[in-house]
Every structure is written in C-alpha cells, then in structure tokens.
C-alpha cells in the first residue's frame, strides 16, 4: 500500500515539476531566441540598406 501511495506521489511531483518549471522555462527560452532573431534580422537589414545606399 505504501509503495502505491509513494508511486502516486512521485508521479504527481513529476507532473508538478514539468508544468511549473520545465514548460515555462522552455517557453521563456523560445521567446528569448525569437527576440534575438528579430534583432539580428533588423541589424542585417540595416547594414544591407546602408551598404547599398553608400555603395552607389
């Protein structure tokens, strides 16, 4: 009986860790990478535009 109760508590703790810590951390990392990608895209576009304007 104790083994079953501890197994259920272990599963509940694992689900708690996944939904409270792991999933928000993954979404935070994805959001950070998306922001970095947008900033890099703007920087590349600006450098390309300045290069084409000053090259003529």
Protein backbone atom coordinates (compact mmCIF):
# COMPACT_ATOMS: atom_id res chain seq x y z
CA UNK A 1 0.00 0.00 0.00
CA UNK A 2 2.79 2.41 0.90
CA UNK A 3 4.53 1.64 -2.37
CA UNK A 4 1.40 2.59 -4.33
CA UNK A 5 0.94 5.81 -2.38
CA UNK A 6 4.57 6.79 -2.88
CA UNK A 7 4.33 5.97 -6.59
CA UNK A 8 1.29 8.20 -6.96
CA UNK A 9 3.02 10.99 -5.02
CA UNK A 10 6.09 10.62 -7.24
CA UNK A 11 4.01 10.91 -10.39
CA UNK A 12 2.20 13.97 -9.02
CA UNK A 13 5.52 15.59 -8.09
CA UNK A 14 6.94 14.86 -11.55
CA UNK A 15 3.88 16.42 -13.21
CA UNK A 16 4.18 19.45 -10.91
CA UNK A 17 7.84 19.90 -11.86
CA UNK A 18 7.09 19.56 -15.56
CA UNK A 19 4.18 22.01 -15.61
CA UNK A 20 5.60 24.58 -13.16
CA UNK A 21 9.30 24.62 -14.05
CA UNK A 22 10.09 22.92 -17.35
CA UNK A 23 7.34 24.18 -19.68
CA UNK A 24 7.61 27.87 -18.65
CA UNK A 25 11.40 27.66 -18.95
CA UNK A 26 11.13 26.26 -22.48
CA UNK A 27 8.66 28.98 -23.49
CA UNK A 28 10.94 31.62 -21.97
CA UNK A 29 13.94 30.33 -23.93
CA UNK A 30 11.93 30.23 -27.16
CA UNK A 31 10.72 33.79 -26.56
CA UNK A 32 14.28 34.97 -25.87
CA UNK A 33 15.57 33.29 -29.04
CA UNK A 34 12.74 34.84 -31.06
CA UNK A 35 13.61 38.32 -29.77
CA UNK A 36 17.30 37.77 -30.58
CA UNK A 37 16.37 36.59 -34.09
CA UNK A 38 14.22 39.68 -34.72
CA UNK A 39 17.00 42.00 -33.51
CA UNK A 40 19.52 40.20 -35.75
CA UNK A 41 17.17 40.46 -38.74
CA UNK A 42 16.76 44.21 -38.18
CA UNK A 43 20.54 44.64 -37.85
CA UNK A 44 21.23 42.70 -41.04
CA UNK A 45 18.57 44.66 -42.91
CA UNK A 46 20.04 47.96 -41.68
CA UNK A 47 23.60 47.02 -42.67
CA UNK A 48 22.44 45.84 -46.08
CA UNK A 49 20.44 49.00 -46.66
CA UNK A 50 23.31 51.28 -45.61
CA UNK A 51 25.72 49.30 -47.77
CA UNK A 52 23.54 49.63 -50.84
CA UNK A 53 22.91 53.34 -50.31
CA UNK A 54 26.56 54.27 -49.71
CA UNK A 55 27.80 51.97 -52.48
CA UNK A 56 26.15 53.96 -55.24
